[in-house]
N, C-alpha and C. Protein backbone atom coordinates (compact mmCIF):
# COMPACT_ATOMS: atom_id res chain seq x y z
N UNK A 1 143.82 160.76 2.58
CA UNK A 1 143.70 161.39 4.12
C UNK A 1 144.09 160.70 5.12
N UNK A 2 144.05 161.52 6.04
CA UNK A 2 144.76 160.84 7.16
C UNK A 2 143.49 161.39 8.36
N UNK A 3 143.27 160.66 9.27
CA UNK A 3 142.07 160.72 10.33
C UNK A 3 142.75 160.85 11.87
N UNK A 4 142.53 161.67 12.11
CA UNK A 4 142.79 161.64 13.41
C UNK A 4 141.71 161.48 14.47
N UNK A 5 142.37 160.78 15.73
CA UNK A 5 141.26 160.41 17.01
C UNK A 5 141.80 161.24 18.08
N UNK A 6 140.50 161.45 18.49
CA UNK A 6 141.28 162.29 19.89
C UNK A 6 140.77 160.68 21.10
N UNK A 7 142.90 160.92 21.80
CA UNK A 7 142.42 159.74 22.82
C UNK A 7 142.14 160.53 23.91
N UNK A 8 141.42 159.99 25.28
CA UNK A 8 140.96 160.72 26.31
C UNK A 8 141.91 159.91 27.59
N UNK A 9 142.18 160.43 28.98
CA UNK A 9 142.41 159.94 29.66
C UNK A 9 141.16 159.18 30.42
N UNK A 10 142.15 157.80 30.68
CA UNK A 10 141.07 156.90 31.78
C UNK A 10 141.36 157.61 32.79
N UNK A 11 139.94 157.88 33.53
CA UNK A 11 140.12 157.86 35.08
C UNK A 11 139.79 156.73 35.75
N UNK A 12 141.09 157.08 36.87
CA UNK A 12 140.95 156.40 37.93
C UNK A 12 140.30 156.03 38.97
N UNK A 13 140.46 155.00 39.13
CA UNK A 13 139.17 154.66 40.75
C UNK A 13 139.48 154.89 42.06
N UNK A 14 139.26 155.81 43.30
CA UNK A 14 140.06 155.52 44.12
C UNK A 14 139.98 154.73 44.78
N UNK A 15 140.74 154.12 46.18
CA UNK A 15 140.86 153.40 46.86
C UNK A 15 140.21 153.76 48.12
N UNK A 16 139.50 152.64 48.08
CA UNK A 16 138.60 152.74 49.73
C UNK A 16 139.71 152.96 50.64
N UNK A 17 139.82 153.18 51.65
CA UNK A 17 140.53 153.27 52.77
C UNK A 17 140.30 153.65 54.35
N UNK A 18 138.74 152.48 54.24
CA UNK A 18 138.13 152.67 55.31
C UNK A 18 138.97 151.89 56.68
N UNK A 19 138.30 152.04 57.48
CA UNK A 19 138.68 150.40 58.71
C UNK A 19 138.11 149.06 58.08
N UNK A 20 136.90 149.22 57.76
CA UNK A 20 136.19 148.23 57.67
C UNK A 20 136.94 147.66 56.36
N UNK A 21 137.26 148.22 55.21
CA UNK A 21 137.91 147.83 53.91
C UNK A 21 139.57 146.83 54.40
N UNK A 22 139.98 147.94 54.87
CA UNK A 22 141.54 147.12 54.91
C UNK A 22 141.50 146.38 56.39
N UNK A 23 140.23 146.04 57.28
CA UNK A 23 140.26 144.73 58.28
C UNK A 23 139.98 143.52 56.93
N UNK A 24 138.62 143.36 56.13
CA UNK A 24 138.38 142.31 55.28
C UNK A 24 139.52 142.11 54.32
N UNK A 25 140.59 143.32 53.82
CA UNK A 25 141.59 143.41 52.66
C UNK A 25 142.95 142.38 53.79
N UNK A 26 143.20 142.31 55.08
CA UNK A 26 144.16 142.12 55.33
C UNK A 26 143.82 141.17 56.27
N UNK A 27 145.05 139.74 56.31
CA UNK A 27 144.11 138.43 57.42
C UNK A 27 144.87 139.21 58.26
N UNK A 28 146.04 139.49 59.31
CA UNK A 28 146.10 139.69 59.78
C UNK A 28 145.53 141.13 60.64
N UNK A 29 144.85 141.98 60.34
CA UNK A 29 144.32 142.95 60.68
C UNK A 29 143.53 143.20 61.86
N UNK A 30 142.56 142.13 61.78
CA UNK A 30 141.84 141.62 63.32
C UNK A 30 142.98 141.47 64.81
N UNK A 31 143.93 141.54 64.40
CA UNK A 31 145.05 140.67 65.29
C UNK A 31 145.63 141.99 66.32
N UNK A 32 145.73 143.07 65.78
CA UNK A 32 145.96 143.91 66.15
C UNK A 32 145.60 145.29 67.03
N UNK A 33 144.39 144.47 67.26
CA UNK A 33 143.41 145.02 68.16
C UNK A 33 143.65 144.65 70.02
N UNK A 34 144.00 145.55 70.36
CA UNK A 34 143.89 144.32 71.77
C UNK A 34 142.63 144.04 71.86
N UNK A 35 142.16 144.31 72.38
CA UNK A 35 140.52 144.06 72.56
C UNK A 35 140.48 142.49 72.24
N UNK A 36 140.63 142.72 70.42
CA UNK A 36 140.50 141.19 69.94
C UNK A 36 140.78 139.83 70.80
N UNK A 37 142.33 140.55 71.01
CA UNK A 37 143.22 139.20 71.58
C UNK A 37 143.27 139.08 72.78
N UNK A 38 142.37 140.13 73.81
CA UNK A 38 142.47 139.53 74.65
C UNK A 38 140.64 138.99 74.82
N UNK A 39 139.69 139.07 74.28
CA UNK A 39 138.56 138.07 73.90
C UNK A 39 139.57 136.68 73.47
N UNK A 40 140.04 136.75 72.18
CA UNK A 40 140.15 135.35 72.03
C UNK A 40 141.50 134.67 73.56
N UNK A 41 141.62 135.35 73.93
CA UNK A 41 142.09 134.36 74.81
C UNK A 41 141.72 133.81 76.22
N UNK A 42 140.73 134.62 76.63
CA UNK A 42 139.36 134.45 77.31
C UNK A 42 138.78 133.48 77.32
N UNK A 43 138.36 133.22 75.70
CA UNK A 43 137.63 132.11 75.10
C UNK A 43 138.50 131.04 75.29
N UNK A 44 139.64 131.08 74.78
CA UNK A 44 140.30 129.27 74.94
C UNK A 44 141.13 129.16 76.70
N UNK A 45 141.12 130.39 77.30
CA UNK A 45 140.86 129.70 78.60
C UNK A 45 139.54 129.26 79.35
N UNK A 46 138.86 129.67 78.94
CA UNK A 46 137.01 129.12 79.19
C UNK A 46 136.76 127.54 78.36
N UNK A 47 137.88 127.56 77.19
CA UNK A 47 137.26 126.29 76.95
C UNK A 47 137.85 124.80 77.38
N UNK A 48 139.61 125.59 77.90
CA UNK A 48 140.80 124.34 78.50
C UNK A 48 139.79 124.50 79.90
N UNK A 49 139.54 125.10 80.70
CA UNK A 49 139.05 125.03 82.35
C UNK A 49 137.58 124.60 82.18
N UNK A 50 136.51 124.08 80.56
CA UNK A 50 135.15 123.40 80.77
C UNK A 50 135.30 122.28 80.84
N UNK A 51 137.18 121.86 79.77
CA UNK A 51 136.80 120.87 79.36
C UNK A 51 135.99 120.44 78.11
N UNK A 52 136.40 121.46 76.95
CA UNK A 52 135.19 121.28 75.34
C UNK A 52 136.34 120.69 74.73
N UNK A 53 137.60 121.34 74.62
CA UNK A 53 139.11 120.40 73.67
C UNK A 53 139.94 119.92 74.54
N UNK A 54 140.18 118.48 74.86
CA UNK A 54 141.42 118.30 75.30
C UNK A 54 142.49 118.14 74.61
N UNK A 55 143.23 118.52 75.56
CA UNK A 55 145.12 119.05 74.87
C UNK A 55 145.46 117.75 73.90
N UNK A 56 144.83 116.35 74.26
CA UNK A 56 145.03 115.30 73.68
C UNK A 56 144.67 115.54 72.24
N UNK A 57 143.26 116.20 71.71
CA UNK A 57 143.08 115.93 70.58
C UNK A 57 143.60 117.13 69.41
N UNK A 58 144.13 118.17 70.49
CA UNK A 58 144.95 119.49 69.67
C UNK A 58 145.98 119.10 69.39
N UNK A 59 146.44 117.72 69.93
CA UNK A 59 147.68 116.95 69.32
C UNK A 59 147.73 116.38 68.29
N UNK A 60 146.49 115.92 68.07
CA UNK A 60 146.53 114.50 66.85
C UNK A 60 146.81 113.11 67.58
N UNK A 61 146.33 112.93 68.78
CA UNK A 61 145.98 111.94 69.59
C UNK A 61 144.70 111.82 69.57
N UNK A 62 144.57 110.68 69.33
CA UNK A 62 142.95 110.26 69.40
C UNK A 62 142.63 109.48 70.54
N UNK A 63 142.35 109.62 71.53
CA UNK A 63 140.72 109.30 72.57
C UNK A 63 140.87 108.33 72.18
N UNK A 64 141.16 106.76 73.60
CA UNK A 64 141.18 105.81 73.11
C UNK A 64 139.65 105.08 73.53
N UNK A 65 138.47 105.97 73.69
CA UNK A 65 137.60 105.27 73.49
C UNK A 65 136.95 105.52 72.31
N UNK A 66 137.36 106.12 71.45
CA UNK A 66 137.05 106.55 69.90
C UNK A 66 138.18 105.62 68.89
N UNK A 67 138.96 104.94 69.47
CA UNK A 67 139.74 104.47 68.55
C UNK A 67 139.42 102.99 68.55
N UNK A 68 139.67 102.76 66.90
CA UNK A 68 139.42 101.24 67.06
C UNK A 68 139.59 100.53 67.00
N UNK A 69 141.27 100.29 67.39
CA UNK A 69 142.16 99.55 67.90
C UNK A 69 142.05 98.97 69.33
N UNK A 70 141.21 99.25 69.94
CA UNK A 70 141.25 99.14 71.25
C UNK A 70 141.25 97.62 71.82
N UNK A 71 140.81 96.77 71.09
CA UNK A 71 141.09 95.40 71.52
C UNK A 71 142.01 94.71 70.69
N UNK A 72 142.62 95.12 70.38
CA UNK A 72 143.62 94.67 69.87
C UNK A 72 145.42 93.99 70.27
N UNK A 73 145.58 93.64 69.69
CA UNK A 73 146.68 92.37 70.30
C UNK A 73 148.32 92.39 69.65
N UNK A 74 149.48 93.22 70.09
CA UNK A 74 150.46 93.12 69.23
C UNK A 74 151.65 92.32 69.71
N UNK A 75 152.01 91.61 68.21
CA UNK A 75 152.70 91.01 68.59
C UNK A 75 154.40 91.65 67.96
N UNK A 76 154.86 92.24 68.65
CA UNK A 76 156.36 92.51 69.06
C UNK A 76 157.73 91.74 68.63
N UNK A 77 158.56 91.80 67.70
CA UNK A 77 159.55 90.37 67.52
C UNK A 77 160.69 91.46 67.23
N UNK A 78 161.72 90.66 68.05
CA UNK A 78 163.22 91.33 67.55
C UNK A 78 163.66 90.12 66.94
N UNK A 79 164.62 89.94 65.70
CA UNK A 79 164.83 88.55 65.08
C UNK A 79 166.45 89.33 64.86
N UNK A 80 167.24 87.69 65.59
CA UNK A 80 168.92 88.04 65.70
C UNK A 80 169.53 86.82 65.19
N UNK A 81 170.74 86.71 64.98
CA UNK A 81 171.47 85.84 64.05
C UNK A 81 171.55 85.17 65.16
N UNK A 82 173.21 83.86 64.44
CA UNK A 82 173.59 83.15 65.60
C UNK A 82 174.25 83.82 66.49
N UNK A 83 174.68 84.73 65.96
CA UNK A 83 176.03 85.21 66.69
C UNK A 83 175.72 86.70 67.18
N UNK A 84 173.95 86.93 67.09
CA UNK A 84 172.93 88.04 68.17
C UNK A 84 173.31 89.44 67.80
N UNK A 85 173.19 89.72 66.53
CA UNK A 85 173.35 90.67 65.29
C UNK A 85 171.84 90.63 64.89
N UNK A 86 171.32 91.95 64.75
CA UNK A 86 169.93 92.24 63.90
C UNK A 86 170.16 91.53 62.84
N UNK A 87 168.83 90.96 62.50
CA UNK A 87 168.72 90.34 60.83
C UNK A 87 167.59 91.06 60.30
N UNK A 88 168.07 92.34 59.42
CA UNK A 88 166.99 92.55 59.10
C UNK A 88 166.29 91.82 57.09
N UNK A 89 165.11 92.30 57.09
CA UNK A 89 164.87 91.59 56.10
C UNK A 89 163.96 90.12 56.13
N UNK A 90 164.21 89.95 57.84
CA UNK A 90 163.51 88.13 57.49
C UNK A 90 162.06 88.40 57.50
N UNK A 91 161.26 87.52 56.47
CA UNK A 91 159.88 87.47 56.01
C UNK A 91 159.16 86.53 57.38
N UNK A 92 158.17 87.42 58.20
CA UNK A 92 156.98 87.12 58.99
C UNK A 92 155.94 86.79 58.96
N UNK A 93 155.51 85.75 58.83
CA UNK A 93 153.64 85.21 58.72
C UNK A 93 152.52 84.87 59.80
N UNK A 94 151.67 85.45 60.05
CA UNK A 94 150.78 84.88 61.18
C UNK A 94 149.60 84.35 60.83
N UNK A 95 149.44 83.55 61.52
CA UNK A 95 147.88 83.28 61.22
C UNK A 95 147.53 82.45 62.93
N UNK A 96 145.94 82.08 62.76
CA UNK A 96 145.39 81.59 63.77
C UNK A 96 145.80 80.06 63.79
N UNK A 97 145.88 80.21 65.19
CA UNK A 97 146.33 78.56 65.51
C UNK A 97 145.56 77.19 64.47
N UNK A 98 144.24 77.67 64.55
CA UNK A 98 143.63 76.49 63.89
C UNK A 98 142.68 76.49 62.85
N UNK A 99 143.76 77.91 61.91
CA UNK A 99 143.36 78.14 61.08
C UNK A 99 145.21 77.68 59.97
N UNK A 100 144.45 77.71 58.65
CA UNK A 100 145.88 76.80 58.00
C UNK A 100 146.51 78.46 56.77
N UNK A 101 145.20 79.07 56.61
CA UNK A 101 145.72 80.81 55.78
C UNK A 101 146.35 81.28 56.59
N UNK A 102 147.59 82.49 56.30
CA UNK A 102 148.56 83.17 56.94
C UNK A 102 147.69 84.51 56.46
N UNK A 103 147.23 85.22 57.60
CA UNK A 103 146.66 86.37 57.44
C UNK A 103 147.10 87.50 57.54
N UNK A 104 148.61 87.66 58.38
CA UNK A 104 149.56 88.50 58.57
C UNK A 104 150.16 88.60 58.32
N UNK A 105 151.39 89.64 58.17
CA UNK A 105 152.48 89.61 57.31
C UNK A 105 153.29 90.66 57.34
N UNK A 106 154.80 90.41 57.76
CA UNK A 106 155.64 91.78 57.39
C UNK A 106 157.18 91.16 57.90
N UNK A 107 157.61 92.21 57.81
CA UNK A 107 158.80 92.17 56.79
C UNK A 107 160.00 92.93 57.92
N UNK A 108 161.31 92.56 58.81
CA UNK A 108 162.22 93.08 59.76
C UNK A 108 162.47 93.96 59.24
N UNK A 109 162.63 95.41 59.94
CA UNK A 109 163.49 96.68 59.42
C UNK A 109 164.66 96.14 59.63
N UNK A 110 165.57 97.31 59.29
CA UNK A 110 167.20 97.19 59.91
C UNK A 110 167.46 97.08 60.96
N UNK A 111 166.64 97.03 61.79
CA UNK A 111 166.94 96.77 63.44
C UNK A 111 166.52 94.99 63.73
N UNK A 112 166.07 94.71 62.76
CA UNK A 112 165.72 93.29 62.79
C UNK A 112 164.09 93.23 63.65
N UNK A 113 163.52 94.28 63.80
CA UNK A 113 162.29 94.22 64.46
C UNK A 113 161.29 94.80 63.53
N UNK A 114 159.61 93.92 64.34
CA UNK A 114 158.97 93.97 63.06
C UNK A 114 157.31 94.11 64.43
N UNK A 115 156.09 94.47 64.24
CA UNK A 115 155.07 94.58 65.06
C UNK A 115 154.15 94.40 63.63
N UNK A 116 152.99 93.04 64.95
CA UNK A 116 151.89 93.25 63.63
C UNK A 116 150.59 93.12 64.80
N UNK A 117 149.48 93.78 63.94
CA UNK A 117 147.91 93.67 65.20
C UNK A 117 147.59 92.92 65.01
N UNK A 118 146.74 92.26 65.70
CA UNK A 118 146.05 91.14 65.00
C UNK A 118 145.14 91.35 66.50
N UNK A 119 144.17 90.45 66.09
CA UNK A 119 142.69 90.98 67.06
C UNK A 119 143.08 89.89 68.44
N UNK A 120 142.84 90.38 69.51
CA UNK A 120 142.36 89.22 70.82
C UNK A 120 142.15 88.55 71.24
N UNK A 121 142.12 87.81 72.27
CA UNK A 121 141.68 86.61 72.45
C UNK A 121 141.20 85.46 71.68
N UNK A 122 143.21 85.27 71.09
CA UNK A 122 142.88 84.14 70.07
C UNK A 122 144.69 83.35 70.38
N UNK A 123 145.21 82.13 69.77
CA UNK A 123 146.00 81.71 70.08
C UNK A 123 146.40 81.80 68.58
N UNK A 124 147.89 82.33 68.24
CA UNK A 124 148.30 82.64 67.18
C UNK A 124 149.95 81.47 67.05
N UNK A 125 149.94 81.32 65.56
CA UNK A 125 151.01 80.54 65.66
C UNK A 125 152.14 82.10 64.37
N UNK A 126 153.28 81.60 64.71
CA UNK A 126 154.33 82.48 63.82
C UNK A 126 155.18 81.90 63.20
N UNK A 127 155.33 82.13 62.57
CA UNK A 127 156.36 81.85 61.30
C UNK A 127 157.80 82.80 60.62
N UNK A 128 158.98 82.58 61.01
CA UNK A 128 159.94 83.75 60.49
C UNK A 128 161.11 82.80 59.64
N UNK A 129 160.77 83.25 58.30
CA UNK A 129 162.03 82.65 57.53
C UNK A 129 162.97 83.84 57.12
N UNK A 130 163.99 83.48 56.71
CA UNK A 130 165.31 84.37 56.39
C UNK A 130 165.96 83.89 55.40
N UNK A 131 166.75 83.84 54.40
CA UNK A 131 167.40 83.20 53.49
C UNK A 131 168.87 82.73 54.29
N UNK A 132 169.30 81.84 53.95
CA UNK A 132 170.53 80.88 55.02
C UNK A 132 170.24 80.51 56.14
N UNK A 133 169.02 80.56 56.53
CA UNK A 133 168.22 80.00 58.14
C UNK A 133 167.02 78.84 57.83
N UNK A 134 167.05 78.74 58.82
CA UNK A 134 165.98 77.67 58.78
C UNK A 134 164.61 78.46 59.62
N UNK A 135 163.85 77.63 58.55
CA UNK A 135 162.20 78.41 59.35
C UNK A 135 162.43 78.11 60.90
N UNK A 136 161.79 79.23 61.80
CA UNK A 136 161.06 79.41 62.96
C UNK A 136 159.89 79.72 62.89
N UNK A 137 159.32 78.71 63.93
CA UNK A 137 157.64 78.15 64.37
C UNK A 137 157.51 78.72 66.06
N UNK A 138 157.20 80.09 66.09
CA UNK A 138 156.41 80.40 67.40
C UNK A 138 155.20 80.52 67.48
N UNK A 139 154.39 80.08 68.81
CA UNK A 139 153.48 80.08 69.49
C UNK A 139 153.02 81.51 70.21
N UNK A 140 151.77 81.75 70.11
CA UNK A 140 151.49 83.18 70.36
C UNK A 140 150.06 83.37 71.28
N UNK A 141 150.19 83.34 72.32
CA UNK A 141 149.28 83.52 72.95
C UNK A 141 148.41 85.09 73.40
N UNK A 142 147.18 85.18 72.69
CA UNK A 142 147.24 86.09 72.88
C UNK A 142 146.11 86.40 73.50
N UNK A 143 145.67 85.80 74.69
CA UNK A 143 143.85 85.74 75.27
C UNK A 143 144.58 86.58 76.48
N UNK A 144 145.92 86.85 77.56
CA UNK A 144 146.15 87.72 78.70
C UNK A 144 147.16 89.06 77.68
N UNK A 145 146.68 89.95 78.35
CA UNK A 145 146.65 91.28 78.10
C UNK A 145 146.81 91.98 76.63
N UNK A 146 147.98 92.78 75.94
CA UNK A 146 147.68 93.20 74.95
C UNK A 146 149.05 93.69 73.88
N UNK A 147 149.83 92.58 74.46
CA UNK A 147 150.96 92.82 73.82
C UNK A 147 151.85 91.53 74.08
N UNK A 148 152.59 91.28 73.08
CA UNK A 148 153.58 90.13 73.19
C UNK A 148 155.26 90.59 72.97
N UNK A 149 156.27 90.65 73.61
CA UNK A 149 157.75 91.08 73.08
C UNK A 149 158.11 89.54 72.72
N UNK A 150 159.00 89.45 71.92
CA UNK A 150 159.02 88.07 70.99
C UNK A 150 160.88 88.32 70.65
N UNK A 151 161.70 86.89 71.19
CA UNK A 151 163.17 87.81 70.81
C UNK A 151 163.26 86.09 69.67
N UNK A 152 163.70 86.24 68.70
CA UNK A 152 163.50 85.09 68.54
C UNK A 152 165.13 84.70 67.54
N UNK A 153 165.87 84.17 67.58
CA UNK A 153 167.26 84.15 67.22
C UNK A 153 167.80 82.84 66.14
N UNK A 154 167.94 83.07 65.09
CA UNK A 154 167.65 82.17 64.05
C UNK A 154 168.59 80.99 64.07
N UNK A 155 168.59 80.29 63.23
CA UNK A 155 169.83 78.62 63.13
C UNK A 155 170.14 79.02 61.48
N UNK A 156 171.13 78.55 61.23
CA UNK A 156 171.56 78.75 59.99
C UNK A 156 171.43 77.30 59.62
N UNK A 157 171.28 77.19 58.46
CA UNK A 157 170.77 76.58 57.68
C UNK A 157 171.91 75.42 57.62
N UNK A 158 172.35 73.88 57.68
CA UNK A 158 172.91 73.04 57.51
C UNK A 158 172.92 72.74 55.41
N UNK A 159 174.14 72.37 54.85
CA UNK A 159 174.09 72.37 53.66
C UNK A 159 175.37 72.59 52.96
N UNK A 160 175.55 72.30 51.27
CA UNK A 160 176.66 73.01 50.63
C UNK A 160 176.48 74.56 50.92
N UNK A 161 175.37 74.91 50.62
CA UNK A 161 175.36 76.55 50.29
C UNK A 161 174.76 77.74 51.33
N UNK A 162 175.93 76.90 52.84
CA UNK A 162 175.40 77.57 54.05
C UNK A 162 176.45 78.73 54.21
N UNK A 163 177.53 78.73 53.19
CA UNK A 163 178.43 79.20 53.92
C UNK A 163 178.62 81.06 53.67
N UNK A 164 177.59 81.77 53.06
CA UNK A 164 176.87 82.81 52.88
C UNK A 164 176.63 83.30 54.16
N UNK A 165 176.43 82.61 54.91
CA UNK A 165 176.31 83.60 56.19
C UNK A 165 174.37 84.84 56.20
N UNK A 166 174.50 85.55 57.09
CA UNK A 166 173.62 86.10 56.72
C UNK A 166 174.04 87.69 55.90
N UNK A 167 174.92 87.78 55.12
CA UNK A 167 175.12 88.76 54.27
C UNK A 167 174.64 88.67 53.06
N UNK A 168 173.82 87.22 52.79
CA UNK A 168 173.05 86.92 51.64
C UNK A 168 172.43 87.88 50.77
N UNK A 169 171.63 87.78 49.83
CA UNK A 169 171.15 89.22 49.32
C UNK A 169 169.84 87.75 48.41
N UNK A 170 168.68 89.16 48.87
CA UNK A 170 167.44 88.33 48.70
C UNK A 170 166.52 88.13 47.31
């Protein structure tokens, strides 16, 4: 026995094409209207003139009053070899002059530079070490100003293994 079933066509729903649904459906539909654009430009102009949102906040630059590093001192140093070439990979440690423990550490980059941020109004002692060179100790006075620019010229170690120069691996 063969059973036959009757198939029916499904009715399709009509899409609503009103202006209100198009505005919700399309993300840029509101910008096509000239009055919306004029209103947006007027609001931006009023905000800039009144100083509600400074341009430095828009650029991602924080305000100096809200920064937590206002009272910091930057020690910026460049490390050179005895020939005057940049010395990358030099290990730098900084501590307060009256303490024994080193609190800050850095490594010089490919240009021989590094920067360490420390609290102001203190005296610091900085040691610079590199393979094949003598350790250098430098005193830093962080009581005046907010930055110290230092240049350190490393001296080669004397001894039987000092022939490798600055190109040694660490």
